[in-house]
Amino acid sequence: MTITEAARLAMQLVGDPASATSAAVIGWNHPISREGIVLADIYNLIHRALIDGQIEPHWITPTTPRPVREIDHDAVDAALRLTGHLPAA
């Protein structure tokens, strides 16, 4: 397998919300298919219309993405040095 083919396969995994890889990249607590997303949205809209107010989304609805944290580059460099990697030139 070439690196190009591996990259294409990885992009397919990231693009499919039903894969655990995509859910991890997006920051969801679990993977869900596109059909599941649509059904959960329909349920939430109907429930909101019937209740006339704020509702708790259906449990199957994925959580919103986590905020992006800053990377401590010094800690990454130190961890790489511990494993034998040389510092970047």
PDB file of N, CA and C in Angstrom:
ATOM      1  N   MET A   1       0.856  -1.165   0.000  1.00  0.00           N
ATOM      2  CA  MET A   1       0.000   0.000   0.000  1.00  0.00           C
ATOM      3  C   MET A   1       0.906   1.234   0.000  1.00  0.00           C
ATOM      4  N   THR A   2       0.601   2.154  -0.880  1.00  0.00           N
ATOM      5  CA  THR A   2       1.380   3.378  -0.933  1.00  0.00           C
ATOM      6  C   THR A   2       0.859   4.370   0.101  1.00  0.00           C
ATOM      7  N   ILE A   3       1.646   5.397   0.367  1.00  0.00           N
ATOM      8  CA  ILE A   3       1.234   6.430   1.324  1.00  0.00           C
ATOM      9  C   ILE A   3       0.018   7.189   0.795  1.00  0.00           C
ATOM     10  N   THR A   4      -0.065   7.341  -0.521  1.00  0.00           N
ATOM     11  CA  THR A   4      -1.206   8.034  -1.124  1.00  0.00           C
ATOM     12  C   THR A   4      -2.494   7.247  -0.911  1.00  0.00           C
ATOM     13  N   GLU A   5      -2.420   5.928  -1.108  1.00  0.00           N
ATOM     14  CA  GLU A   5      -3.599   5.098  -0.892  1.00  0.00           C
ATOM     15  C   GLU A   5      -4.014   5.105   0.579  1.00  0.00           C
ATOM     16  N   ALA A   6      -3.039   5.053   1.473  1.00  0.00           N
ATOM     17  CA  ALA A   6      -3.339   5.104   2.904  1.00  0.00           C
ATOM     18  C   ALA A   6      -4.002   6.428   3.276  1.00  0.00           C
ATOM     19  N   ALA A   7      -3.534   7.520   2.688  1.00  0.00           N
ATOM     20  CA  ALA A   7      -4.134   8.827   2.962  1.00  0.00           C
ATOM     21  C   ALA A   7      -5.568   8.886   2.445  1.00  0.00           C
ATOM     22  N   ARG A   8      -5.803   8.325   1.273  1.00  0.00           N
ATOM     23  CA  ARG A   8      -7.177   8.308   0.732  1.00  0.00           C
ATOM     24  C   ARG A   8      -8.105   7.496   1.628  1.00  0.00           C
ATOM     25  N   LEU A   9      -7.639   6.341   2.083  1.00  0.00           N
ATOM     26  CA  LEU A   9      -8.457   5.516   2.973  1.00  0.00           C
ATOM     27  C   LEU A   9      -8.724   6.230   4.302  1.00  0.00           C
ATOM     28  N   ALA A  10      -7.718   6.922   4.826  1.00  0.00           N
ATOM     29  CA  ALA A  10      -7.905   7.670   6.067  1.00  0.00           C
ATOM     30  C   ALA A  10      -8.927   8.784   5.877  1.00  0.00           C
ATOM     31  N   MET A  11      -8.889   9.455   4.736  1.00  0.00           N
ATOM     32  CA  MET A  11      -9.861  10.531   4.474  1.00  0.00           C
ATOM     33  C   MET A  11     -11.278   9.976   4.365  1.00  0.00           C
ATOM     34  N   GLN A  12     -11.422   8.756   3.821  1.00  0.00           N
ATOM     35  CA  GLN A  12     -12.754   8.146   3.773  1.00  0.00           C
ATOM     36  C   GLN A  12     -13.263   7.841   5.176  1.00  0.00           C
ATOM     37  N   LEU A  13     -12.384   7.374   6.045  1.00  0.00           N
ATOM     38  CA  LEU A  13     -12.787   7.106   7.429  1.00  0.00           C
ATOM     39  C   LEU A  13     -13.200   8.389   8.141  1.00  0.00           C
ATOM     40  N   VAL A  14     -12.448   9.450   7.933  1.00  0.00           N
ATOM     41  CA  VAL A  14     -12.748  10.720   8.600  1.00  0.00           C
ATOM     42  C   VAL A  14     -14.048  11.317   8.058  1.00  0.00           C
ATOM     43  N   GLY A  15     -14.331  11.083   6.784  1.00  0.00           N
ATOM     44  CA  GLY A  15     -15.532  11.653   6.169  1.00  0.00           C
ATOM     45  C   GLY A  15     -16.811  10.919   6.486  1.00  0.00           C
ATOM     46  N   ASP A  16     -16.730   9.731   7.085  1.00  0.00           N
ATOM     47  CA  ASP A  16     -17.913   8.930   7.388  1.00  0.00           C
ATOM     48  C   ASP A  16     -18.263   9.064   8.860  1.00  0.00           C
ATOM     49  N   PRO A  17     -19.357   9.766   9.203  1.00  0.00           N
ATOM     50  CA  PRO A  17     -19.686   9.970  10.622  1.00  0.00           C
ATOM     51  C   PRO A  17     -20.044   8.677  11.348  1.00  0.00           C
ATOM     52  N   ALA A  18     -20.255   7.583  10.615  1.00  0.00           N
ATOM     53  CA  ALA A  18     -20.571   6.314  11.263  1.00  0.00           C
ATOM     54  C   ALA A  18     -19.305   5.584  11.723  1.00  0.00           C
ATOM     55  N   SER A  19     -18.130   6.122  11.410  1.00  0.00           N
ATOM     56  CA  SER A  19     -16.889   5.475  11.841  1.00  0.00           C
ATOM     57  C   SER A  19     -16.412   6.085  13.159  1.00  0.00           C
ATOM     58  N   ALA A  20     -15.785   5.258  13.960  1.00  0.00           N
ATOM     59  CA  ALA A  20     -15.251   5.733  15.236  1.00  0.00           C
ATOM     60  C   ALA A  20     -14.135   6.749  15.010  1.00  0.00           C
ATOM     61  N   THR A  21     -13.407   6.598  13.913  1.00  0.00           N
ATOM     62  CA  THR A  21     -12.338   7.549  13.594  1.00  0.00           C
ATOM     63  C   THR A  21     -12.907   8.946  13.389  1.00  0.00           C
ATOM     64  N   SER A  22     -13.974   9.038  12.599  1.00  0.00           N
ATOM     65  CA  SER A  22     -14.602  10.334  12.350  1.00  0.00           C
ATOM     66  C   SER A  22     -15.162  10.933  13.635  1.00  0.00           C
ATOM     67  N   ALA A  23     -15.816  10.109  14.445  1.00  0.00           N
ATOM     68  CA  ALA A  23     -16.384  10.610  15.701  1.00  0.00           C
ATOM     69  C   ALA A  23     -15.296  11.162  16.603  1.00  0.00           C
ATOM     70  N   ALA A  24     -14.146  10.501  16.635  1.00  0.00           N
ATOM     71  CA  ALA A  24     -13.035  10.976  17.468  1.00  0.00           C
ATOM     72  C   ALA A  24     -12.472  12.283  16.937  1.00  0.00           C
ATOM     73  N   VAL A  25     -12.349  12.399  15.614  1.00  0.00           N
ATOM     74  CA  VAL A  25     -11.811  13.630  15.022  1.00  0.00           C
ATOM     75  C   VAL A  25     -12.759  14.794  15.259  1.00  0.00           C
ATOM     76  N   ILE A  26     -14.059  14.559  15.091  1.00  0.00           N
ATOM     77  CA  ILE A  26     -15.057  15.620  15.272  1.00  0.00           C
ATOM     78  C   ILE A  26     -15.203  15.985  16.746  1.00  0.00           C
ATOM     79  N   GLY A  27     -15.008  15.002  17.631  1.00  0.00           N
ATOM     80  CA  GLY A  27     -15.153  15.245  19.061  1.00  0.00           C
ATOM     81  C   GLY A  27     -16.467  14.743  19.613  1.00  0.00           C
ATOM     82  N   TRP A  28     -17.179  13.917  18.843  1.00  0.00           N
ATOM     83  CA  TRP A  28     -18.433  13.349  19.332  1.00  0.00           C
ATOM     84  C   TRP A  28     -18.157  12.248  20.339  1.00  0.00           C
ATOM     85  N   ASN A  29     -19.166  11.966  21.171  1.00  0.00           N
ATOM     86  CA  ASN A  29     -18.999  10.911  22.162  1.00  0.00           C
ATOM     87  C   ASN A  29     -19.257   9.523  21.579  1.00  0.00           C
ATOM     88  N   HIS A  30     -19.868   9.437  20.390  1.00  0.00           N
ATOM     89  CA  HIS A  30     -20.076   8.142  19.727  1.00  0.00           C
ATOM     90  C   HIS A  30     -20.304   8.383  18.236  1.00  0.00           C
ATOM     91  N   PRO A  31     -20.019   7.378  17.398  1.00  0.00           N
ATOM     92  CA  PRO A  31     -20.294   7.530  15.969  1.00  0.00           C
ATOM     93  C   PRO A  31     -21.783   7.360  15.693  1.00  0.00           C
ATOM     94  N   ILE A  32     -22.262   7.959  14.620  1.00  0.00           N
ATOM     95  CA  ILE A  32     -23.660   7.832  14.221  1.00  0.00           C
ATOM     96  C   ILE A  32     -23.734   7.997  12.711  1.00  0.00           C
ATOM     97  N   SER A  33     -24.611   7.232  12.072  1.00  0.00           N
ATOM     98  CA  SER A  33     -24.743   7.296  10.620  1.00  0.00           C
ATOM     99  C   SER A  33     -25.435   8.598  10.215  1.00  0.00           C
ATOM    100  N   ARG A  34     -25.337   8.916   8.934  1.00  0.00           N
ATOM    101  CA  ARG A  34     -26.010  10.122   8.434  1.00  0.00           C
ATOM    102  C   ARG A  34     -27.519  10.016   8.621  1.00  0.00           C
ATOM    103  N   GLU A  35     -28.060   8.807   8.416  1.00  0.00           N
ATOM    104  CA  GLU A  35     -29.492   8.600   8.614  1.00  0.00           C
ATOM    105  C   GLU A  35     -29.871   8.808  10.073  1.00  0.00           C
ATOM    106  N   GLY A  36     -29.027   8.344  10.980  1.00  0.00           N
ATOM    107  CA  GLY A  36     -29.275   8.536  12.402  1.00  0.00           C
ATOM    108  C   GLY A  36     -29.272   9.999  12.792  1.00  0.00           C
ATOM    109  N   ILE A  37     -28.362  10.777  12.184  1.00  0.00           N
ATOM    110  CA  ILE A  37     -28.307  12.216  12.451  1.00  0.00           C
ATOM    111  C   ILE A  37     -29.608  12.872  12.015  1.00  0.00           C
ATOM    112  N   VAL A  38     -30.086  12.518  10.813  1.00  0.00           N
ATOM    113  CA  VAL A  38     -31.327  13.103  10.300  1.00  0.00           C
ATOM    114  C   VAL A  38     -32.503  12.709  11.177  1.00  0.00           C
ATOM    115  N   LEU A  39     -32.590  11.441  11.554  1.00  0.00           N
ATOM    116  CA  LEU A  39     -33.704  10.994  12.396  1.00  0.00           C
ATOM    117  C   LEU A  39     -33.687  11.669  13.765  1.00  0.00           C
ATOM    118  N   ALA A  40     -32.516  11.817  14.350  1.00  0.00           N
ATOM    119  CA  ALA A  40     -32.420  12.491  15.644  1.00  0.00           C
ATOM    120  C   ALA A  40     -32.828  13.956  15.518  1.00  0.00           C
ATOM    121  N   ASP A  41     -32.419  14.616  14.424  1.00  0.00           N
ATOM    122  CA  ASP A  41     -32.817  16.011  14.208  1.00  0.00           C
ATOM    123  C   ASP A  41     -34.326  16.136  14.029  1.00  0.00           C
ATOM    124  N   ILE A  42     -34.929  15.220  13.266  1.00  0.00           N
ATOM    125  CA  ILE A  42     -36.384  15.250  13.083  1.00  0.00           C
ATOM    126  C   ILE A  42     -37.084  15.057  14.418  1.00  0.00           C
ATOM    127  N   TYR A  43     -36.618  14.091  15.211  1.00  0.00           N
ATOM    128  CA  TYR A  43     -37.210  13.852  16.530  1.00  0.00           C
ATOM    129  C   TYR A  43     -37.112  15.110  17.392  1.00  0.00           C
ATOM    130  N   ASN A  44     -35.929  15.726  17.412  1.00  0.00           N
ATOM    131  CA  ASN A  44     -35.743  16.919  18.241  1.00  0.00           C
ATOM    132  C   ASN A  44     -36.642  18.063  17.787  1.00  0.00           C
ATOM    133  N   LEU A  45     -36.789  18.251  16.464  1.00  0.00           N
ATOM    134  CA  LEU A  45     -37.652  19.326  15.956  1.00  0.00           C
ATOM    135  C   LEU A  45     -39.117  19.081  16.303  1.00  0.00           C
ATOM    136  N   ILE A  46     -39.586  17.849  16.131  1.00  0.00           N
ATOM    137  CA  ILE A  46     -40.980  17.532  16.457  1.00  0.00           C
ATOM    138  C   ILE A  46     -41.215  17.688  17.955  1.00  0.00           C
ATOM    139  N   HIS A  47     -40.299  17.184  18.756  1.00  0.00           N
ATOM    140  CA  HIS A  47     -40.429  17.297  20.208  1.00  0.00           C
ATOM    141  C   HIS A  47     -40.461  18.767  20.632  1.00  0.00           C
ATOM    142  N   ARG A  48     -39.590  19.588  20.056  1.00  0.00           N
ATOM    143  CA  ARG A  48     -39.557  21.015  20.391  1.00  0.00           C
ATOM    144  C   ARG A  48     -40.862  21.698  19.990  1.00  0.00           C
ATOM    145  N   ALA A  49     -41.431  21.310  18.832  1.00  0.00           N
ATOM    146  CA  ALA A  49     -42.685  21.908  18.375  1.00  0.00           C
ATOM    147  C   ALA A  49     -43.842  21.524  19.292  1.00  0.00           C
ATOM    148  N   LEU A  50     -43.856  20.304  19.786  1.00  0.00           N
ATOM    149  CA  LEU A  50     -44.943  19.847  20.653  1.00  0.00           C
ATOM    150  C   LEU A  50     -44.830  20.405  22.066  1.00  0.00           C
ATOM    151  N   ILE A  51     -43.635  20.638  22.548  1.00  0.00           N
ATOM    152  CA  ILE A  51     -43.429  21.100  23.918  1.00  0.00           C
ATOM    153  C   ILE A  51     -43.486  22.626  24.014  1.00  0.00           C
ATOM    154  N   ASP A  52     -43.205  23.310  22.928  1.00  0.00           N
ATOM    155  CA  ASP A  52     -43.144  24.781  22.915  1.00  0.00           C
ATOM    156  C   ASP A  52     -42.098  25.308  23.891  1.00  0.00           C
ATOM    157  N   GLY A  53     -40.910  24.860  23.754  1.00  0.00           N
ATOM    158  CA  GLY A  53     -39.853  25.358  24.623  1.00  0.00           C
ATOM    159  C   GLY A  53     -38.555  24.608  24.401  1.00  0.00           C
ATOM    160  N   GLN A  54     -37.626  24.844  25.299  1.00  0.00           N
ATOM    161  CA  GLN A  54     -36.341  24.170  25.217  1.00  0.00           C
ATOM    162  C   GLN A  54     -36.508  22.715  25.651  1.00  0.00           C
ATOM    163  N   ILE A  55     -35.829  21.840  24.959  1.00  0.00           N
ATOM    164  CA  ILE A  55     -35.878  20.421  25.297  1.00  0.00           C
ATOM    165  C   ILE A  55     -34.461  19.887  25.406  1.00  0.00           C
ATOM    166  N   GLU A  56     -34.346  18.752  26.036  1.00  0.00           N
ATOM    167  CA  GLU A  56     -33.090  18.015  26.009  1.00  0.00           C
ATOM    168  C   GLU A  56     -33.072  17.238  24.701  1.00  0.00           C
ATOM    169  N   PRO A  57     -32.001  17.324  23.914  1.00  0.00           N
ATOM    170  CA  PRO A  57     -31.952  16.557  22.673  1.00  0.00           C
ATOM    171  C   PRO A  57     -31.999  15.058  22.955  1.00  0.00           C
ATOM    172  N   HIS A  58     -32.472  14.310  21.972  1.00  0.00           N
ATOM    173  CA  HIS A  58     -32.533  12.861  22.095  1.00  0.00           C
ATOM    174  C   HIS A  58     -31.146  12.341  22.441  1.00  0.00           C
ATOM    175  N   TRP A  59     -31.072  11.283  23.218  1.00  0.00           N
ATOM    176  CA  TRP A  59     -29.784  10.778  23.704  1.00  0.00           C
ATOM    177  C   TRP A  59     -28.871  10.326  22.578  1.00  0.00           C
ATOM    178  N   ILE A  60     -29.423   9.962  21.431  1.00  0.00           N
ATOM    179  CA  ILE A  60     -28.588   9.481  20.332  1.00  0.00           C
ATOM    180  C   ILE A  60     -27.898  10.632  19.595  1.00  0.00           C
ATOM    181  N   THR A  61     -28.369  11.870  19.792  1.00  0.00           N
ATOM    182  CA  THR A  61     -27.753  13.022  19.141  1.00  0.00           C
ATOM    183  C   THR A  61     -26.324  13.185  19.652  1.00  0.00           C
ATOM    184  N   PRO A  62     -25.340  13.245  18.736  1.00  0.00           N
ATOM    185  CA  PRO A  62     -23.949  13.388  19.185  1.00  0.00           C
ATOM    186  C   PRO A  62     -23.742  14.711  19.921  1.00  0.00           C
ATOM    187  N   THR A  63     -22.783  14.693  20.829  1.00  0.00           N
ATOM    188  CA  THR A  63     -22.461  15.922  21.537  1.00  0.00           C
ATOM    189  C   THR A  63     -21.799  16.904  20.586  1.00  0.00           C
ATOM    190  N   THR A  64     -21.801  18.160  20.956  1.00  0.00           N
ATOM    191  CA  THR A  64     -21.153  19.164  20.121  1.00  0.00           C
ATOM    192  C   THR A  64     -19.644  18.989  20.203  1.00  0.00           C
ATOM    193  N   PRO A  65     -18.928  19.463  19.206  1.00  0.00           N
ATOM    194  CA  PRO A  65     -17.470  19.306  19.233  1.00  0.00           C
ATOM    195  C   PRO A  65     -16.849  19.974  20.455  1.00  0.00           C
ATOM    196  N   ARG A  66     -15.821  19.324  20.958  1.00  0.00           N
ATOM    197  CA  ARG A  66     -15.081  19.871  22.094  1.00  0.00           C
ATOM    198  C   ARG A  66     -14.277  21.077  21.632  1.00  0.00           C
ATOM    199  N   PRO A  67     -14.036  22.033  22.503  1.00  0.00           N
ATOM    200  CA  PRO A  67     -13.184  23.152  22.112  1.00  0.00           C
ATOM    201  C   PRO A  67     -11.760  22.664  21.862  1.00  0.00           C
ATOM    202  N   VAL A  68     -11.115  23.273  20.919  1.00  0.00           N
ATOM    203  CA  VAL A  68      -9.741  22.893  20.584  1.00  0.00           C
ATOM    204  C   VAL A  68      -8.812  23.429  21.657  1.00  0.00           C
ATOM    205  N   ARG A  69      -7.964  22.541  22.184  1.00  0.00           N
ATOM    206  CA  ARG A  69      -7.024  22.950  23.212  1.00  0.00           C
ATOM    207  C   ARG A  69      -5.702  23.338  22.571  1.00  0.00           C
ATOM    208  N   GLU A  70      -4.998  24.235  23.227  1.00  0.00           N
ATOM    209  CA  GLU A  70      -3.676  24.625  22.752  1.00  0.00           C
ATOM    210  C   GLU A  70      -2.699  23.479  22.994  1.00  0.00           C
ATOM    211  N   ILE A  71      -1.785  23.291  22.069  1.00  0.00           N
ATOM    212  CA  ILE A  71      -0.782  22.246  22.188  1.00  0.00           C
ATOM    213  C   ILE A  71       0.458  22.821  22.862  1.00  0.00           C
ATOM    214  N   ASP A  72       0.948  22.130  23.868  1.00  0.00           N
ATOM    215  CA  ASP A  72       2.179  22.532  24.535  1.00  0.00           C
ATOM    216  C   ASP A  72       3.344  21.933  23.749  1.00  0.00           C
ATOM    217  N   HIS A  73       3.920  22.736  22.857  1.00  0.00           N
ATOM    218  CA  HIS A  73       4.954  22.244  21.957  1.00  0.00           C
ATOM    219  C   HIS A  73       6.211  21.810  22.718  1.00  0.00           C
ATOM    220  N   ASP A  74       6.512  22.455  23.817  1.00  0.00           N
ATOM    221  CA  ASP A  74       7.672  22.058  24.607  1.00  0.00           C
ATOM    222  C   ASP A  74       7.484  20.648  25.179  1.00  0.00           C
ATOM    223  N   ALA A  75       6.268  20.335  25.619  1.00  0.00           N
ATOM    224  CA  ALA A  75       5.991  18.998  26.152  1.00  0.00           C
ATOM    225  C   ALA A  75       6.086  17.946  25.044  1.00  0.00           C
ATOM    226  N   VAL A  76       5.616  18.295  23.852  1.00  0.00           N
ATOM    227  CA  VAL A  76       5.712  17.364  22.722  1.00  0.00           C
ATOM    228  C   VAL A  76       7.177  17.122  22.382  1.00  0.00           C
ATOM    229  N   ASP A  77       7.975  18.181  22.309  1.00  0.00           N
ATOM    230  CA  ASP A  77       9.408  18.042  22.024  1.00  0.00           C
ATOM    231  C   ASP A  77      10.096  17.174  23.080  1.00  0.00           C
ATOM    232  N   ALA A  78       9.759  17.389  24.355  1.00  0.00           N
ATOM    233  CA  ALA A  78      10.370  16.603  25.431  1.00  0.00           C
ATOM    234  C   ALA A  78       9.989  15.128  25.307  1.00  0.00           C
ATOM    235  N   ALA A  79       8.721  14.860  24.973  1.00  0.00           N
ATOM    236  CA  ALA A  79       8.279  13.469  24.814  1.00  0.00           C
ATOM    237  C   ALA A  79       8.982  12.813  23.635  1.00  0.00           C
ATOM    238  N   LEU A  80       9.163  13.555  22.548  1.00  0.00           N
ATOM    239  CA  LEU A  80       9.859  13.000  21.394  1.00  0.00           C
ATOM    240  C   LEU A  80      11.325  12.719  21.709  1.00  0.00           C
ATOM    241  N   ARG A  81      11.967  13.615  22.462  1.00  0.00           N
ATOM    242  CA  ARG A  81      13.369  13.399  22.843  1.00  0.00           C
ATOM    243  C   ARG A  81      13.500  12.147  23.710  1.00  0.00           C
ATOM    244  N   LEU A  82      12.518  11.900  24.591  1.00  0.00           N
ATOM    245  CA  LEU A  82      12.556  10.708  25.440  1.00  0.00           C
ATOM    246  C   LEU A  82      12.490   9.420  24.622  1.00  0.00           C
ATOM    247  N   THR A  83      11.806   9.468  23.484  1.00  0.00           N
ATOM    248  CA  THR A  83      11.677   8.271  22.652  1.00  0.00           C
ATOM    249  C   THR A  83      12.804   8.155  21.632  1.00  0.00           C
ATOM    250  N   GLY A  84      13.779   9.085  21.677  1.00  0.00           N
ATOM    251  CA  GLY A  84      14.942   8.968  20.804  1.00  0.00           C
ATOM    252  C   GLY A  84      14.910   9.818  19.552  1.00  0.00           C
ATOM    253  N   HIS A  85      13.894  10.635  19.386  1.00  0.00           N
ATOM    254  CA  HIS A  85      13.827  11.496  18.206  1.00  0.00           C
ATOM    255  C   HIS A  85      14.757  12.700  18.397  1.00  0.00           C
ATOM    256  N   LEU A  86      15.339  13.106  17.312  1.00  0.00           N
ATOM    257  CA  LEU A  86      16.226  14.266  17.341  1.00  0.00           C
ATOM    258  C   LEU A  86      15.411  15.543  17.157  1.00  0.00           C
ATOM    259  N   PRO A  87      15.837  16.652  17.750  1.00  0.00           N
ATOM    260  CA  PRO A  87      15.109  17.902  17.561  1.00  0.00           C
ATOM    261  C   PRO A  87      15.168  18.344  16.098  1.00  0.00           C
ATOM    262  N   ALA A  88      14.136  19.063  15.677  1.00  0.00           N
ATOM    263  CA  ALA A  88      14.076  19.553  14.295  1.00  0.00           C
ATOM    264  C   ALA A  88      15.192  20.567  14.074  1.00  0.00           C
ATOM    265  N   ALA A  89      15.752  20.521  12.878  1.00  0.00           N
ATOM    266  CA  ALA A  89      16.857  21.434  12.549  1.00  0.00           C
ATOM    267  C   ALA A  89      16.346  22.765  12.072  1.00  0.00           C
TER     268      ALA A  89
END
